[in-house]
C-alpha atoms as a PDB file:
ATOM      1  CA  MET A   1       0.000   0.000   0.000  1.00  0.00           C
ATOM      2  CA  GLU A   2       2.779   2.425   0.871  1.00  0.00           C
ATOM      3  CA  PHE A   3       4.593   1.607  -2.379  1.00  0.00           C
ATOM      4  CA  LEU A   4       1.450   2.258  -4.436  1.00  0.00           C
ATOM      5  CA  GLU A   5       0.793   5.532  -2.600  1.00  0.00           C
ATOM      6  CA  THR A   6       4.353   6.781  -3.100  1.00  0.00           C
ATOM      7  CA  SER A   7       4.326   5.758  -6.768  1.00  0.00           C
ATOM      8  CA  ALA A   8       1.040   7.582  -7.467  1.00  0.00           C
ATOM      9  CA  GLN A   9       2.212  10.726  -5.653  1.00  0.00           C
ATOM     10  CA  ALA A  10       5.528  10.642  -7.512  1.00  0.00           C
ATOM     11  CA  GLU A  11       3.711  10.507 -10.883  1.00  0.00           C
ATOM     12  CA  HIS A  12       1.558  13.523 -10.016  1.00  0.00           C
ATOM     13  CA  LEU A  13       4.549  15.377  -8.592  1.00  0.00           C
ATOM     14  CA  LYS A  14       6.604  14.749 -11.729  1.00  0.00           C
ATOM     15  CA  GLU A  15       3.800  16.101 -13.941  1.00  0.00           C
ATOM     16  CA  ILE A  16       3.351  19.205 -11.756  1.00  0.00           C
ATOM     17  CA  GLY A  17       7.118  19.758 -11.535  1.00  0.00           C
ATOM     18  CA  ASN A  18       7.508  19.636 -15.340  1.00  0.00           C
ATOM     19  CA  ARG A  19       4.683  22.169 -15.738  1.00  0.00           C
ATOM     20  CA  LEU A  20       6.204  24.550 -13.193  1.00  0.00           C
ATOM     21  CA  SER A  21       9.683  24.181 -14.703  1.00  0.00           C
ATOM     22  CA  GLU A  22       8.435  24.953 -18.229  1.00  0.00           C
ATOM     23  CA  GLU A  23       6.494  27.985 -16.997  1.00  0.00           C
ATOM     24  CA  ARG A  24       9.512  29.229 -15.032  1.00  0.00           C
ATOM     25  CA  GLN A  25      11.815  28.926 -18.047  1.00  0.00           C
ATOM     26  CA  HIS A  26       9.194  30.561 -20.259  1.00  0.00           C
ATOM     27  CA  ARG A  27       9.191  33.564 -17.923  1.00  0.00           C
ATOM     28  CA  SER A  28      13.026  33.556 -17.719  1.00  0.00           C
ATOM     29  CA  VAL A  29      12.993  33.149 -13.933  1.00  0.00           C
ATOM     30  CA  SER A  30      15.902  31.339 -12.307  1.00  0.00           C
ATOM     31  CA  LEU A  31      15.380  28.740  -9.616  1.00  0.00           C
ATOM     32  CA  GLN A  32      17.555  30.794  -7.248  1.00  0.00           C
ATOM     33  CA  GLU A  33      15.154  33.713  -7.672  1.00  0.00           C
ATOM     34  CA  VAL A  34      12.194  31.463  -6.870  1.00  0.00           C
ATOM     35  CA  ALA A  35      13.964  30.266  -3.712  1.00  0.00           C
ATOM     36  CA  ALA A  36      14.708  33.848  -2.621  1.00  0.00           C
ATOM     37  CA  LYS A  37      11.114  35.046  -3.115  1.00  0.00           C
ATOM     38  CA  THR A  38       9.241  31.993  -1.791  1.00  0.00           C
ATOM     39  CA  TYR A  39      11.673  31.166   1.056  1.00  0.00           C
ATOM     40  CA  ILE A  40      11.655  27.549  -0.143  1.00  0.00           C
ATOM     41  CA  PRO A  41      15.131  25.966   0.019  1.00  0.00           C
ATOM     42  CA  LEU A  42      16.734  25.459  -3.382  1.00  0.00           C
ATOM     43  CA  ARG A  43      17.181  21.700  -2.896  1.00  0.00           C
ATOM     44  CA  LEU A  44      13.430  21.297  -2.284  1.00  0.00           C
ATOM     45  CA  LEU A  45      12.602  23.208  -5.463  1.00  0.00           C
ATOM     46  CA  ASN A  46      14.937  20.931  -7.423  1.00  0.00           C
ATOM     47  CA  ALA A  47      13.232  17.904  -5.880  1.00  0.00           C
ATOM     48  CA  ILE A  48       9.771  19.211  -6.868  1.00  0.00           C
ATOM     49  CA  GLU A  49      10.770  19.766 -10.489  1.00  0.00           C
ATOM     50  CA  ALA A  50      12.449  16.325 -10.614  1.00  0.00           C
ATOM     51  CA  GLY A  51       9.522  14.524  -8.937  1.00  0.00           C
ATOM     52  CA  ARG A  52      11.752  13.144  -6.141  1.00  0.00           C
ATOM     53  CA  MET A  53       9.410  12.218  -3.307  1.00  0.00           C
ATOM     54  CA  ASP A  54      12.287  10.709  -1.321  1.00  0.00           C
ATOM     55  CA  LEU A  55      13.929  14.155  -0.978  1.00  0.00           C
ATOM     56  CA  LEU A  56      10.807  15.987   0.233  1.00  0.00           C
ATOM     57  CA  PRO A  57       9.047  16.217   3.628  1.00  0.00           C
ATOM     58  CA  GLU A  58       5.470  15.140   4.376  1.00  0.00           C
ATOM     59  CA  PRO A  59       2.940  15.460   1.483  1.00  0.00           C
ATOM     60  CA  VAL A  60       0.950  18.191   3.279  1.00  0.00           C
ATOM     61  CA  PHE A  61       4.035  20.456   3.267  1.00  0.00           C
ATOM     62  CA  VAL A  62       4.880  19.563  -0.341  1.00  0.00           C
ATOM     63  CA  GLN A  63       1.397  20.744  -1.288  1.00  0.00           C
ATOM     64  CA  GLY A  64       2.130  24.108   0.369  1.00  0.00           C
ATOM     65  CA  PHE A  65       5.446  24.420  -1.508  1.00  0.00           C
ATOM     66  CA  ILE A  66       3.676  23.775  -4.845  1.00  0.00           C
ATOM     67  CA  ARG A  67       1.025  26.411  -4.114  1.00  0.00           C
ATOM     68  CA  ARG A  68       3.615  29.041  -3.200  1.00  0.00           C
ATOM     69  CA  TYR A  69       5.777  28.203  -6.240  1.00  0.00           C
ATOM     70  CA  ALA A  70       2.813  28.367  -8.654  1.00  0.00           C
ATOM     71  CA  ASP A  71       1.534  31.655  -7.197  1.00  0.00           C
ATOM     72  CA  LEU A  72       4.944  33.249  -7.802  1.00  0.00           C
ATOM     73  CA  LEU A  73       4.744  32.299 -11.492  1.00  0.00           C
ATOM     74  CA  GLY A  74       1.286  33.870 -11.793  1.00  0.00           C
ATOM     75  CA  LEU A  75      -0.580  30.542 -11.908  1.00  0.00           C
ATOM     76  CA  ASP A  76      -3.492  29.319  -9.804  1.00  0.00           C
ATOM     77  CA  GLY A  77      -1.456  27.835  -6.995  1.00  0.00           C
ATOM     78  CA  THR A  78      -4.444  26.541  -5.004  1.00  0.00           C
ATOM     79  CA  SER A  79      -5.864  24.421  -7.838  1.00  0.00           C
ATOM     80  CA  ILE A  80      -2.442  23.148  -8.938  1.00  0.00           C
ATOM     81  CA  SER A  81      -1.486  22.139  -5.396  1.00  0.00           C
ATOM     82  CA  LYS A  82      -4.723  20.153  -5.038  1.00  0.00           C
ATOM     83  CA  GLU A  83      -3.652  18.020  -8.019  1.00  0.00           C
ATOM     84  CA  PHE A  84      -1.000  16.538  -5.749  1.00  0.00           C
ATOM     85  CA  PRO A  85      -2.774  13.797  -3.707  1.00  0.00           C
ATOM     86  CA  LEU A  86      -2.305  13.641   0.048  1.00  0.00           C
ATOM     87  CA  ASN A  87      -3.962  10.239   0.569  1.00  0.00           C
ATOM     88  CA  ALA A  88      -3.326   6.841  -0.951  1.00  0.00           C
ATOM     89  CA  SER A  89      -4.700   6.205  -4.432  1.00  0.00           C
ATOM     90  CA  PRO A  90      -7.176   3.317  -4.923  1.00  0.00           C
ATOM     91  CA  VAL A  91      -5.512  -0.052  -5.347  1.00  0.00           C
ATOM     92  CA  PRO A  92      -6.003  -1.642  -8.806  1.00  0.00           C
ATOM     93  CA  PRO A  93      -8.282  -4.707  -8.796  1.00  0.00           C
ATOM     94  CA  ASP A  94      -5.491  -6.898 -10.183  1.00  0.00           C
ATOM     95  CA  VAL A  95      -3.431  -6.324  -7.002  1.00  0.00           C
ATOM     96  CA  LEU A  96      -6.297  -7.506  -4.782  1.00  0.00           C
ATOM     97  CA  LYS A  97      -6.617 -10.908  -6.514  1.00  0.00           C
ATOM     98  CA  THR A  98      -5.758 -13.712  -4.166  1.00  0.00           C
ATOM     99  CA  VAL A  99      -3.692 -16.662  -5.246  1.00  0.00           C
ATOM    100  CA  ALA A 100      -5.397 -20.034  -4.800  1.00  0.00           C
ATOM    101  CA  PRO A 101      -3.517 -22.348  -2.427  1.00  0.00           C
ATOM    102  CA  PRO A 102      -1.782 -25.383  -3.989  1.00  0.00           C
ATOM    103  CA  PRO A 103      -3.739 -28.656  -3.931  1.00  0.00           C
ATOM    104  CA  VAL A 104      -3.102 -30.982  -1.032  1.00  0.00           C
ATOM    105  CA  PRO A 105      -1.610 -34.382  -2.054  1.00  0.00           C
ATOM    106  CA  GLU A 106      -4.070 -37.237  -1.863  1.00  0.00           C
ATOM    107  CA  THR A 107      -1.717 -39.158   0.403  1.00  0.00           C
ATOM    108  CA  LEU A 108      -2.179 -36.543   3.150  1.00  0.00           C
ATOM    109  CA  VAL A 109      -6.012 -36.478   2.977  1.00  0.00           C
ATOM    110  CA  PRO A 110      -7.679 -39.148   5.179  1.00  0.00           C
ATOM    111  CA  LYS A 111     -10.116 -41.317   3.280  1.00  0.00           C
ATOM    112  CA  LEU A 112     -13.646 -41.061   4.718  1.00  0.00           C
ATOM    113  CA  PRO A 113     -16.275 -43.738   4.175  1.00  0.00           C
ATOM    114  CA  GLN A 114     -18.953 -43.050   1.594  1.00  0.00           C
ATOM    115  CA  PRO A 115     -22.649 -42.938   2.597  1.00  0.00           C
ATOM    116  CA  ASP A 116     -23.373 -46.301   0.902  1.00  0.00           C
ATOM    117  CA  GLU A 117     -20.242 -48.024   2.194  1.00  0.00           C
ATOM    118  CA  THR A 118     -20.662 -50.526   5.052  1.00  0.00           C
ATOM    119  CA  ILE A 119     -18.027 -50.435   7.770  1.00  0.00           C
ATOM    120  CA  PRO A 120     -17.104 -53.942   9.050  1.00  0.00           C
ATOM    121  CA  ALA A 121     -17.777 -54.536  12.709  1.00  0.00           C
ATOM    122  CA  SER A 122     -14.269 -55.854  13.251  1.00  0.00           C
ATOM    123  CA  SER A 123     -12.817 -52.393  12.544  1.00  0.00           C
ATOM    124  CA  LEU A 124     -14.950 -50.860  15.313  1.00  0.00           C
ATOM    125  CA  LYS A 125     -13.695 -53.262  17.975  1.00  0.00           C
ATOM    126  CA  VAL A 126     -11.682 -51.542  20.673  1.00  0.00           C
ATOM    127  CA  GLU A 127      -9.146 -53.654  22.496  1.00  0.00           C
ATOM    128  CA  ARG A 128      -8.718 -52.885  26.170  1.00  0.00           C
ATOM    129  CA  PRO A 129      -5.565 -53.782  28.112  1.00  0.00           C
ATOM    130  CA  ASP A 130      -5.720 -56.404  30.786  1.00  0.00           C
ATOM    131  CA  PRO A 131      -6.240 -55.033  34.294  1.00  0.00           C
ATOM    132  CA  VAL A 132      -3.112 -54.807  36.401  1.00  0.00           C
ATOM    133  CA  GLU A 133      -3.264 -56.254  39.857  1.00  0.00           C
ATOM    134  CA  ARG A 134      -1.904 -53.843  42.447  1.00  0.00           C
ATOM    135  CA  PRO A 135      -0.308 -55.350  45.583  1.00  0.00           C
ATOM    136  CA  THR A 136      -1.871 -54.345  48.840  1.00  0.00           C
ATOM    137  CA  SER A 137       0.432 -52.886  51.498  1.00  0.00           C
ATOM    138  CA  PRO A 138       0.607 -54.953  54.705  1.00  0.00           C
ATOM    139  CA  LYS A 139      -0.664 -53.451  57.895  1.00  0.00           C
ATOM    140  CA  PRO A 140       1.824 -52.557  60.669  1.00  0.00           C
ATOM    141  CA  PRO A 141       2.233 -55.149  63.384  1.00  0.00           C
ATOM    142  CA  GLY A 142      -0.031 -54.673  66.324  1.00  0.00           C
ATOM    143  CA  PHE A 143      -2.946 -53.128  64.399  1.00  0.00           C
ATOM    144  CA  GLU A 144      -4.509 -56.439  63.443  1.00  0.00           C
ATOM    145  CA  SER A 145      -5.771 -57.290  66.887  1.00  0.00           C
ATOM    146  CA  GLU A 146      -5.348 -54.192  69.052  1.00  0.00           C
ATOM    147  CA  GLY A 147      -7.591 -51.147  68.778  1.00  0.00           C
ATOM    148  CA  LEU A 148      -6.875 -47.426  69.060  1.00  0.00           C
ATOM    149  CA  SER A 149      -8.270 -47.253  72.588  1.00  0.00           C
ATOM    150  CA  SER A 150      -5.406 -49.335  74.009  1.00  0.00           C
ATOM    151  CA  LYS A 151      -2.812 -46.770  72.830  1.00  0.00           C
ATOM    152  CA  LEU A 152      -4.694 -43.593  73.948  1.00  0.00           C
ATOM    153  CA  PRO A 153      -2.789 -43.141  77.278  1.00  0.00           C
ATOM    154  CA  TRP A 154       0.553 -43.191  75.463  1.00  0.00           C
ATOM    155  CA  ILE A 155      -0.604 -40.540  72.964  1.00  0.00           C
ATOM    156  CA  VAL A 156      -1.850 -38.195  75.740  1.00  0.00           C
ATOM    157  CA  GLY A 157       1.397 -38.561  77.659  1.00  0.00           C
ATOM    158  CA  GLY A 158       3.476 -37.716  74.572  1.00  0.00           C
ATOM    159  CA  ILE A 159       1.492 -34.517  73.913  1.00  0.00           C
ATOM    160  CA  ALA A 160       1.924 -33.401  77.541  1.00  0.00           C
ATOM    161  CA  GLY A 161       5.682 -33.994  77.376  1.00  0.00           C
ATOM    162  CA  ILE A 162       5.993 -31.927  74.226  1.00  0.00           C
ATOM    163  CA  GLY A 163       4.088 -29.023  75.866  1.00  0.00           C
ATOM    164  CA  ALA A 164       6.391 -29.071  78.904  1.00  0.00           C
ATOM    165  CA  ILE A 165       9.509 -28.949  76.703  1.00  0.00           C
ATOM    166  CA  ALA A 166       8.112 -25.982  74.728  1.00  0.00           C
ATOM    167  CA  LEU A 167       7.337 -24.038  77.966  1.00  0.00           C
ATOM    168  CA  LEU A 168      10.843 -24.636  79.326  1.00  0.00           C
ATOM    169  CA  ALA A 169      12.444 -23.458  76.064  1.00  0.00           C
ATOM    170  CA  SER A 170      10.379 -20.223  76.060  1.00  0.00           C
ATOM    171  CA  LEU A 171      11.506 -19.407  79.631  1.00  0.00           C
ATOM    172  CA  LEU A 172      15.180 -19.969  78.785  1.00  0.00           C
ATOM    173  CA  THR A 173      15.056 -17.804  75.626  1.00  0.00           C
ATOM    174  CA  SER A 174      12.913 -14.910  76.992  1.00  0.00           C
ATOM    175  CA  PRO A 175      14.312 -11.382  76.191  1.00  0.00           C
ATOM    176  CA  PRO A 176      15.758  -9.177  78.961  1.00  0.00           C
ATOM    177  CA  ASP A 177      13.649  -6.693  80.821  1.00  0.00           C
ATOM    178  CA  ALA A 178      12.769  -3.630  78.719  1.00  0.00           C
ATOM    179  CA  ASN A 179      13.358  -1.324  81.741  1.00  0.00           C
ATOM    180  CA  GLN A 180      16.951  -2.422  82.062  1.00  0.00           C
ATOM    181  CA  ASN A 181      19.457   0.192  80.824  1.00  0.00           C
ATOM    182  CA  PRO A 182      21.432  -1.342  77.957  1.00  0.00           C
ATOM    183  CA  ALA A 183      24.385   0.880  78.712  1.00  0.00           C
ATOM    184  CA  THR A 184      24.837  -0.585  82.234  1.00  0.00           C
ATOM    185  CA  SER A 185      24.510  -4.169  81.016  1.00  0.00           C
ATOM    186  CA  ILE A 186      27.723  -3.947  78.987  1.00  0.00           C
ATOM    187  CA  LYS A 187      30.700  -5.291  80.886  1.00  0.00           C
ATOM    188  CA  PRO A 188      34.004  -3.461  80.292  1.00  0.00           C
ATOM    189  CA  VAL A 189      37.019  -5.337  78.998  1.00  0.00           C
ATOM    190  CA  SER A 190      39.642  -6.093  81.623  1.00  0.00           C
ATOM    191  CA  GLY A 191      42.174  -3.289  81.977  1.00  0.00           C
ATOM    192  CA  THR A 192      39.909  -0.627  80.569  1.00  0.00           C
ATOM    193  CA  THR A 193      36.967   1.320  81.885  1.00  0.00           C
ATOM    194  CA  ALA A 194      33.984   1.494  79.580  1.00  0.00           C
ATOM    195  CA  GLN A 195      32.076   4.728  79.802  1.00  0.00           C
ATOM    196  CA  PRO A 196      28.691   4.619  78.133  1.00  0.00           C
ATOM    197  CA  SER A 197      28.162   7.629  75.907  1.00  0.00           C
ATOM    198  CA  PRO A 198      25.194   9.754  76.910  1.00  0.00           C
ATOM    199  CA  ILE A 199      22.260   9.543  74.539  1.00  0.00           C
ATOM    200  CA  SER A 200      20.636  12.875  73.762  1.00  0.00           C
ATOM    201  CA  PRO A 201      16.882  12.897  73.419  1.00  0.00           C
ATOM    202  CA  PRO A 202      15.532  13.602  69.950  1.00  0.00           C
ATOM    203  CA  GLY A 203      14.943  17.301  69.230  1.00  0.00           C
ATOM    204  CA  SER A 204      17.491  18.551  71.774  1.00  0.00           C
ATOM    205  CA  ALA A 205      20.167  21.100  70.848  1.00  0.00           C
ATOM    206  CA  SER A 206      23.000  18.609  71.305  1.00  0.00           C
ATOM    207  CA  ALA A 207      21.304  16.083  69.029  1.00  0.00           C
ATOM    208  CA  LEU A 208      20.882  18.688  66.348  1.00  0.00           C
ATOM    209  CA  GLN A 209      24.550  19.657  66.607  1.00  0.00           C
ATOM    210  CA  GLU A 210      25.684  16.037  66.215  1.00  0.00           C
ATOM    211  CA  GLN A 211      23.786  15.525  62.922  1.00  0.00           C
ATOM    212  CA  PRO A 212      25.962  16.319  59.857  1.00  0.00           C
ATOM    213  CA  THR A 213      24.610  18.988  57.587  1.00  0.00           C
ATOM    214  CA  ALA A 214      24.284  18.037  53.909  1.00  0.00           C
ATOM    215  CA  ALA A 215      25.991  20.361  51.504  1.00  0.00           C
ATOM    216  CA  SER A 216      23.468  22.199  49.364  1.00  0.00           C
ATOM    217  CA  PRO A 217      23.993  21.494  45.636  1.00  0.00           C
ATOM    218  CA  THR A 218      25.140  24.418  43.608  1.00  0.00           C
ATOM    219  CA  ALA A 219      23.235  24.893  40.352  1.00  0.00           C
ATOM    220  CA  ALA A 220      25.515  25.048  37.339  1.00  0.00           C
ATOM    221  CA  PRO A 221      25.143  28.285  35.397  1.00  0.00           C
ATOM    222  CA  ALA A 222      23.168  27.838  32.181  1.00  0.00           C
ATOM    223  CA  ALA A 223      25.196  28.160  29.024  1.00  0.00           C
ATOM    224  CA  THR A 224      24.270  31.261  27.107  1.00  0.00           C
ATOM    225  CA  ALA A 225      24.888  32.263  23.504  1.00  0.00           C
ATOM    226  CA  PRO A 226      24.563  35.631  21.736  1.00  0.00           C
ATOM    227  CA  VAL A 227      21.611  34.365  19.642  1.00  0.00           C
ATOM    228  CA  SER A 228      19.024  31.963  21.089  1.00  0.00           C
ATOM    229  CA  VAL A 229      15.681  30.993  19.478  1.00  0.00           C
ATOM    230  CA  LYS A 230      13.059  28.797  21.146  1.00  0.00           C
ATOM    231  CA  LEU A 231      10.337  27.256  18.947  1.00  0.00           C
ATOM    232  CA  SER A 232       6.925  26.091  20.181  1.00  0.00           C
ATOM    233  CA  LEU A 233       4.582  24.174  17.844  1.00  0.00           C
ATOM    234  CA  THR A 234       0.792  23.998  18.089  1.00  0.00           C
ATOM    235  CA  ASP A 235       0.601  21.626  15.087  1.00  0.00           C
ATOM    236  CA  ASP A 236       2.901  19.537  12.893  1.00  0.00           C
ATOM    237  CA  SER A 237       5.245  21.576  10.704  1.00  0.00           C
ATOM    238  CA  TRP A 238       8.259  21.058   8.488  1.00  0.00           C
ATOM    239  CA  VAL A 239      11.165  23.102   9.884  1.00  0.00           C
ATOM    240  CA  GLU A 240      14.703  23.912   8.739  1.00  0.00           C
ATOM    241  CA  ILE A 241      17.198  25.533  11.136  1.00  0.00           C
ATOM    242  CA  GLN A 242      20.444  27.260  10.130  1.00  0.00           C
ATOM    243  CA  THR A 243      22.924  28.489  12.731  1.00  0.00           C
ATOM    244  CA  ASP A 244      25.786  30.706  11.562  1.00  0.00           C
ATOM    245  CA  GLY A 245      25.204  29.670   7.927  1.00  0.00           C
ATOM    246  CA  GLU A 246      25.121  25.885   8.563  1.00  0.00           C
ATOM    247  CA  ILE A 247      22.015  23.673   8.422  1.00  0.00           C
ATOM    248  CA  VAL A 248      21.747  21.905  11.791  1.00  0.00           C
ATOM    249  CA  PHE A 249      18.207  20.501  11.480  1.00  0.00           C
ATOM    250  CA  GLU A 250      15.717  19.725   8.705  1.00  0.00           C
ATOM    251  CA  GLY A 251      12.571  17.648   9.212  1.00  0.00           C
ATOM    252  CA  THR A 252       9.000  17.526  10.477  1.00  0.00           C
ATOM    253  CA  LEU A 253       8.424  18.453  14.124  1.00  0.00           C
ATOM    254  CA  PRO A 254       5.245  17.110  15.788  1.00  0.00           C
ATOM    255  CA  LYS A 255       2.610  19.108  17.612  1.00  0.00           C
ATOM    256  CA  GLY A 256       3.658  20.191  21.133  1.00  0.00           C
ATOM    257  CA  THR A 257       7.404  20.345  20.378  1.00  0.00           C
ATOM    258  CA  GLN A 258       9.434  22.937  22.304  1.00  0.00           C
ATOM    259  CA  LYS A 259      13.074  23.199  21.287  1.00  0.00           C
ATOM    260  CA  THR A 260      15.842  25.810  21.407  1.00  0.00           C
ATOM    261  CA  TRP A 261      18.689  26.507  18.972  1.00  0.00           C
ATOM    262  CA  SER A 262      21.614  28.883  19.614  1.00  0.00           C
ATOM    263  CA  GLY A 263      24.288  30.495  17.496  1.00  0.00           C
ATOM    264  CA  ASN A 264      27.068  33.032  17.710  1.00  0.00           C
ATOM    265  CA  ASN A 265      25.912  35.327  14.902  1.00  0.00           C
ATOM    266  CA  GLN A 266      22.558  34.307  13.406  1.00  0.00           C
ATOM    267  CA  VAL A 267      19.772  31.687  13.535  1.00  0.00           C
ATOM    268  CA  VAL A 268      17.522  31.275  10.458  1.00  0.00           C
ATOM    269  CA  VAL A 269      14.186  29.440  10.844  1.00  0.00           C
ATOM    270  CA  SER A 270      12.204  28.183   7.818  1.00  0.00           C
ATOM    271  CA  ALA A 271       8.751  26.767   8.614  1.00  0.00           C
ATOM    272  CA  GLY A 272       6.392  25.010   6.210  1.00  0.00           C
ATOM    273  CA  ASN A 273       3.338  25.615   8.408  1.00  0.00           C
ATOM    274  CA  ALA A 274       4.266  29.027   9.834  1.00  0.00           C
ATOM    275  CA  GLY A 275       0.935  29.597  11.598  1.00  0.00           C
ATOM    276  CA  ALA A 276       1.652  26.686  13.924  1.00  0.00           C
ATOM    277  CA  VAL A 277       5.194  27.822  14.863  1.00  0.00           C
ATOM    278  CA  SER A 278       5.949  30.448  17.529  1.00  0.00           C
ATOM    279  CA  ALA A 279       9.490  31.752  18.095  1.00  0.00           C
ATOM    280  CA  SER A 280      10.988  33.401  21.186  1.00  0.00           C
ATOM    281  CA  TYR A 281      14.184  35.383  20.498  1.00  0.00           C
ATOM    282  CA  ASN A 282      16.640  35.630  23.443  1.00  0.00           C
ATOM    283  CA  ASN A 283      13.928  34.736  26.003  1.00  0.00           C
ATOM    284  CA  GLY A 284      11.630  37.446  24.661  1.00  0.00           C
ATOM    285  CA  ALA A 285       7.914  37.210  23.966  1.00  0.00           C
ATOM    286  CA  ALA A 286       6.925  34.393  21.594  1.00  0.00           C
ATOM    287  CA  LYS A 287       5.542  35.461  18.198  1.00  0.00           C
ATOM    288  CA  VAL A 288       3.833  33.393  15.496  1.00  0.00           C
ATOM    289  CA  LEU A 289       5.957  33.256  12.339  1.00  0.00           C
ATOM    290  CA  GLY A 290       3.048  33.475   9.851  1.00  0.00           C
ATOM    291  CA  THR A 291      -0.303  31.948   8.881  1.00  0.00           C
ATOM    292  CA  LEU A 292      -1.316  28.302   8.661  1.00  0.00           C
ATOM    293  CA  GLY A 293      -0.035  26.574   5.528  1.00  0.00           C
ATOM    294  CA  ASP A 294       2.445  29.315   4.590  1.00  0.00           C
ATOM    295  CA  VAL A 295       6.183  28.780   4.111  1.00  0.00           C
ATOM    296  CA  VAL A 296       8.047  31.509   5.998  1.00  0.00           C
ATOM    297  CA  THR A 297      11.750  32.095   6.636  1.00  0.00           C
ATOM    298  CA  THR A 298      12.707  34.341   9.589  1.00  0.00           C
ATOM    299  CA  ASN A 299      16.174  35.601  10.559  1.00  0.00           C
ATOM    300  CA  PHE A 300      17.288  36.128  14.163  1.00  0.00           C
ATOM    301  CA  PRO A 301      18.367  38.792  14.858  1.00  0.00           C
ATOM    302  CA  PRO A 302      16.069  40.428  12.312  1.00  0.00           C
ATOM    303  CA  THR A 303      17.826  41.841   9.275  1.00  0.00           C
ATOM    304  CA  ALA A 304      17.087  45.278   7.895  1.00  0.00           C
ATOM    305  CA  PRO A 305      14.569  45.191   5.003  1.00  0.00           C
END
């Protein structure tokens, strides 16, 4: 589907690009002049005239470039741009034909009886294995003749003995008295005198003095540059960024993007959907670069007209 869509768009783009190129040459207008007046990068104009979809951004922005290019040549840019399809073209019926699966060999298909065929009774006979005799476990000696009542005194005596052992173990392992001072229960080593350190109650001045104070982190100073431009997008837009004469970014930014670019001398912003792009120059108030669907190039700092 994607291949068919790209192929159909490339055919329309090639036809539109040839028409625009012929009209431009007929009017003796150079491609550099078109780029300077429409603010469309020269490489994108070359791609439009050559029908190179792989060198262009999203189709919605390509449609805006075509409209702006055609308007400059005095043509009806709106109608020409609508000739470039944004959605996938219908798939030819021949592509939707399904290929029949190969026949299954007869050797792999189980043969079922026909309605008139009689199945012999011998084939329906199910053979069952012979039952296996399981040996019975012998009873312990003494249980054949004696009952449970004769052993009841021994069982009661065993339970009582176990209870007495458990009580004795709990008394031997009981914890020391909670009121006993743990500092006085420590015996000093021979030859030395152990002095228990006084414990300050929580919240007292001495306890607060003993606690180490954590060093407060020092925030690193933010790096600054002579020219700084922050972009905020309210919708998808193709964007190209140049800093100090070098292209540092070119692509489609999604809705909600907030990003900053800095340079030493100049930052140039080209937006394919200028009404959705706001720019803040050196932390100043943000301003919209243009109207929705327009291709606008803005220099920071602004150049004299």
